[in-house]
């Protein structure tokens, strides 16, 4: 499981390093219910008009499926409609950027090839 090491300050008296996986961090930030609703969405659009319709497979492991679902939400602009009212585009991008190293190591298909062409995922590669 990929890990994120981040620093947590406790009343400015001392700093503690905590290891937390991508899925655990998502659940900590947004809760179990939003995690479940996000995972349930994975492939909802891509299976009709995206990479899954073109023969790619939906990732099996939790981390890959979560990242796929978040990228799909960005790709199909689900944050801008009632399709996915739980997180904003900015929250999703911040989460993915906070886990950039882990995200870039995952072997997952893009939710849509059009998203790749128009640069939906470019924010992950910018410094």
C-alpha atoms as a PDB file:
ATOM      1  CA  UNK A   1       0.000   0.000   0.000  1.00  0.00           C
ATOM      2  CA  UNK A   2       1.391   3.392  -0.890  1.00  0.00           C
ATOM      3  CA  UNK A   3       1.924   5.724   1.999  1.00  0.00           C
ATOM      4  CA  UNK A   4       1.750   9.458   2.532  1.00  0.00           C
ATOM      5  CA  UNK A   5       3.960  10.909   5.208  1.00  0.00           C
ATOM      6  CA  UNK A   6       2.767  14.230   6.487  1.00  0.00           C
ATOM      7  CA  UNK A   7       3.379  16.328   9.526  1.00  0.00           C
ATOM      8  CA  UNK A   8       0.774  17.041  12.153  1.00  0.00           C
ATOM      9  CA  UNK A   9       1.350  19.956  14.545  1.00  0.00           C
ATOM     10  CA  UNK A  10      -0.035  19.632  18.034  1.00  0.00           C
ATOM     11  CA  UNK A  11      -0.390  23.041  19.743  1.00  0.00           C
ATOM     12  CA  UNK A  12       3.004  24.073  18.306  1.00  0.00           C
ATOM     13  CA  UNK A  13       4.760  22.125  21.094  1.00  0.00           C
ATOM     14  CA  UNK A  14       5.985  19.226  18.982  1.00  0.00           C
ATOM     15  CA  UNK A  15       5.580  17.714  15.562  1.00  0.00           C
ATOM     16  CA  UNK A  16       4.655  14.119  14.858  1.00  0.00           C
ATOM     17  CA  UNK A  17       5.109  12.207  11.599  1.00  0.00           C
ATOM     18  CA  UNK A  18       2.163  10.017  10.642  1.00  0.00           C
ATOM     19  CA  UNK A  19       2.001   7.441   7.821  1.00  0.00           C
ATOM     20  CA  UNK A  20      -1.393   7.209   6.192  1.00  0.00           C
ATOM     21  CA  UNK A  21      -2.483   5.478   3.001  1.00  0.00           C
ATOM     22  CA  UNK A  22      -4.356   7.243   0.248  1.00  0.00           C
ATOM     23  CA  UNK A  23      -7.698   5.569   1.037  1.00  0.00           C
ATOM     24  CA  UNK A  24      -7.323   6.109   4.784  1.00  0.00           C
ATOM     25  CA  UNK A  25      -6.504   9.776   4.252  1.00  0.00           C
ATOM     26  CA  UNK A  26      -9.560  10.217   2.015  1.00  0.00           C
ATOM     27  CA  UNK A  27     -11.788   8.637   4.659  1.00  0.00           C
ATOM     28  CA  UNK A  28     -10.224  10.799   7.367  1.00  0.00           C
ATOM     29  CA  UNK A  29     -10.758  14.001   5.386  1.00  0.00           C
ATOM     30  CA  UNK A  30     -14.210  13.368   3.944  1.00  0.00           C
ATOM     31  CA  UNK A  31     -15.734  10.464   5.853  1.00  0.00           C
ATOM     32  CA  UNK A  32     -16.702   6.881   5.143  1.00  0.00           C
ATOM     33  CA  UNK A  33     -20.003   7.803   3.455  1.00  0.00           C
ATOM     34  CA  UNK A  34     -18.433  10.113   0.851  1.00  0.00           C
ATOM     35  CA  UNK A  35     -15.738   7.498   0.256  1.00  0.00           C
ATOM     36  CA  UNK A  36     -18.399   4.850  -0.377  1.00  0.00           C
ATOM     37  CA  UNK A  37     -20.402   7.127  -2.696  1.00  0.00           C
ATOM     38  CA  UNK A  38     -17.243   8.066  -4.592  1.00  0.00           C
ATOM     39  CA  UNK A  39     -16.171   4.435  -5.078  1.00  0.00           C
ATOM     40  CA  UNK A  40     -19.677   3.491  -6.242  1.00  0.00           C
ATOM     41  CA  UNK A  41     -19.363   6.069  -9.026  1.00  0.00           C
ATOM     42  CA  UNK A  42     -16.182   4.610 -10.495  1.00  0.00           C
ATOM     43  CA  UNK A  43     -16.843   3.797 -14.134  1.00  0.00           C
ATOM     44  CA  UNK A  44     -20.311   5.320 -14.309  1.00  0.00           C
ATOM     45  CA  UNK A  45     -19.483   7.577 -17.303  1.00  0.00           C
ATOM     46  CA  UNK A  46     -16.372   5.840 -18.608  1.00  0.00           C
ATOM     47  CA  UNK A  47     -18.216   2.596 -19.195  1.00  0.00           C
ATOM     48  CA  UNK A  48     -20.571   4.368 -21.602  1.00  0.00           C
ATOM     49  CA  UNK A  49     -18.356   6.797 -23.523  1.00  0.00           C
ATOM     50  CA  UNK A  50     -14.858   6.572 -22.054  1.00  0.00           C
ATOM     51  CA  UNK A  51     -11.927   4.238 -21.745  1.00  0.00           C
ATOM     52  CA  UNK A  52     -13.954   1.426 -20.178  1.00  0.00           C
ATOM     53  CA  UNK A  53     -16.263   1.434 -23.200  1.00  0.00           C
ATOM     54  CA  UNK A  54     -13.119   1.109 -25.312  1.00  0.00           C
ATOM     55  CA  UNK A  55     -12.143  -2.107 -23.529  1.00  0.00           C
ATOM     56  CA  UNK A  56     -10.075  -0.931 -20.557  1.00  0.00           C
ATOM     57  CA  UNK A  57     -10.750  -2.543 -17.177  1.00  0.00           C
ATOM     58  CA  UNK A  58     -11.899  -0.758 -14.010  1.00  0.00           C
ATOM     59  CA  UNK A  59      -9.122  -1.010 -11.401  1.00  0.00           C
ATOM     60  CA  UNK A  60      -9.598  -3.688  -8.741  1.00  0.00           C
ATOM     61  CA  UNK A  61      -7.684  -2.346  -5.747  1.00  0.00           C
ATOM     62  CA  UNK A  62      -9.128   0.363  -3.477  1.00  0.00           C
ATOM     63  CA  UNK A  63      -6.479   3.012  -4.142  1.00  0.00           C
ATOM     64  CA  UNK A  64      -6.618   2.720  -7.922  1.00  0.00           C
ATOM     65  CA  UNK A  65     -10.409   2.660  -7.960  1.00  0.00           C
ATOM     66  CA  UNK A  66     -10.587   5.769  -5.757  1.00  0.00           C
ATOM     67  CA  UNK A  67      -8.149   7.685  -7.962  1.00  0.00           C
ATOM     68  CA  UNK A  68      -9.968   6.529 -11.097  1.00  0.00           C
ATOM     69  CA  UNK A  69     -13.293   7.705  -9.631  1.00  0.00           C
ATOM     70  CA  UNK A  70     -11.850  11.107  -8.670  1.00  0.00           C
ATOM     71  CA  UNK A  71     -10.286  11.601 -12.102  1.00  0.00           C
ATOM     72  CA  UNK A  72     -13.548  10.568 -13.738  1.00  0.00           C
ATOM     73  CA  UNK A  73     -15.451  13.129 -11.638  1.00  0.00           C
ATOM     74  CA  UNK A  74     -13.049  15.823 -12.847  1.00  0.00           C
ATOM     75  CA  UNK A  75     -13.074  14.583 -16.441  1.00  0.00           C
ATOM     76  CA  UNK A  76     -16.859  14.564 -16.776  1.00  0.00           C
ATOM     77  CA  UNK A  77     -17.291  17.708 -14.624  1.00  0.00           C
ATOM     78  CA  UNK A  78     -19.600  15.928 -12.199  1.00  0.00           C
ATOM     79  CA  UNK A  79     -18.869  18.528  -9.484  1.00  0.00           C
ATOM     80  CA  UNK A  80     -20.777  21.113 -11.516  1.00  0.00           C
ATOM     81  CA  UNK A  81     -24.078  19.258 -11.436  1.00  0.00           C
ATOM     82  CA  UNK A  82     -26.166  17.046  -9.176  1.00  0.00           C
ATOM     83  CA  UNK A  83     -24.250  14.040 -10.459  1.00  0.00           C
ATOM     84  CA  UNK A  84     -21.640  14.343  -7.665  1.00  0.00           C
ATOM     85  CA  UNK A  85     -22.472  17.027  -5.049  1.00  0.00           C
ATOM     86  CA  UNK A  86     -20.070  15.806  -2.342  1.00  0.00           C
ATOM     87  CA  UNK A  87     -16.707  17.436  -3.130  1.00  0.00           C
ATOM     88  CA  UNK A  88     -15.708  20.463  -5.163  1.00  0.00           C
ATOM     89  CA  UNK A  89     -13.279  20.361  -8.065  1.00  0.00           C
ATOM     90  CA  UNK A  90     -10.760  22.220  -5.901  1.00  0.00           C
ATOM     91  CA  UNK A  91     -11.049  19.674  -3.058  1.00  0.00           C
ATOM     92  CA  UNK A  92     -10.517  16.776  -5.457  1.00  0.00           C
ATOM     93  CA  UNK A  93      -7.520  18.408  -7.115  1.00  0.00           C
ATOM     94  CA  UNK A  94      -5.977  19.273  -3.734  1.00  0.00           C
ATOM     95  CA  UNK A  95      -6.398  15.696  -2.519  1.00  0.00           C
ATOM     96  CA  UNK A  96      -4.851  14.268  -5.696  1.00  0.00           C
ATOM     97  CA  UNK A  97      -1.979  16.773  -5.560  1.00  0.00           C
ATOM     98  CA  UNK A  98      -1.359  15.969  -1.890  1.00  0.00           C
ATOM     99  CA  UNK A  99      -0.938  12.344  -3.037  1.00  0.00           C
ATOM    100  CA  UNK A 100       0.720  13.126  -6.367  1.00  0.00           C
ATOM    101  CA  UNK A 101       3.578  10.638  -5.937  1.00  0.00           C
ATOM    102  CA  UNK A 102       1.205   7.783  -5.128  1.00  0.00           C
ATOM    103  CA  UNK A 103      -1.213   8.745  -7.910  1.00  0.00           C
ATOM    104  CA  UNK A 104       1.483   8.899 -10.570  1.00  0.00           C
ATOM    105  CA  UNK A 105       2.771   5.429  -9.588  1.00  0.00           C
ATOM    106  CA  UNK A 106      -0.639   3.793 -10.101  1.00  0.00           C
ATOM    107  CA  UNK A 107      -1.255   1.882 -13.320  1.00  0.00           C
ATOM    108  CA  UNK A 108      -4.794   2.906 -14.252  1.00  0.00           C
ATOM    109  CA  UNK A 109      -6.413   3.852 -17.526  1.00  0.00           C
ATOM    110  CA  UNK A 110      -7.580   7.439 -17.883  1.00  0.00           C
ATOM    111  CA  UNK A 111     -11.360   7.735 -17.495  1.00  0.00           C
ATOM    112  CA  UNK A 112     -11.462   9.132 -21.040  1.00  0.00           C
ATOM    113  CA  UNK A 113      -8.896   9.587 -23.767  1.00  0.00           C
ATOM    114  CA  UNK A 114     -10.498  12.921 -24.623  1.00  0.00           C
ATOM    115  CA  UNK A 115      -9.669  14.054 -21.069  1.00  0.00           C
ATOM    116  CA  UNK A 116      -6.018  13.276 -21.792  1.00  0.00           C
ATOM    117  CA  UNK A 117      -6.106  15.195 -25.075  1.00  0.00           C
ATOM    118  CA  UNK A 118      -7.704  18.330 -23.626  1.00  0.00           C
ATOM    119  CA  UNK A 119      -5.486  18.342 -20.514  1.00  0.00           C
ATOM    120  CA  UNK A 120      -7.922  17.487 -17.721  1.00  0.00           C
ATOM    121  CA  UNK A 121      -5.153  15.679 -15.827  1.00  0.00           C
ATOM    122  CA  UNK A 122      -2.320  18.115 -16.561  1.00  0.00           C
ATOM    123  CA  UNK A 123      -2.464  19.628 -13.058  1.00  0.00           C
ATOM    124  CA  UNK A 124      -0.868  16.407 -11.760  1.00  0.00           C
ATOM    125  CA  UNK A 125       2.228  16.952 -13.905  1.00  0.00           C
ATOM    126  CA  UNK A 126       2.773  20.662 -13.249  1.00  0.00           C
ATOM    127  CA  UNK A 127       5.354  21.739 -10.712  1.00  0.00           C
END
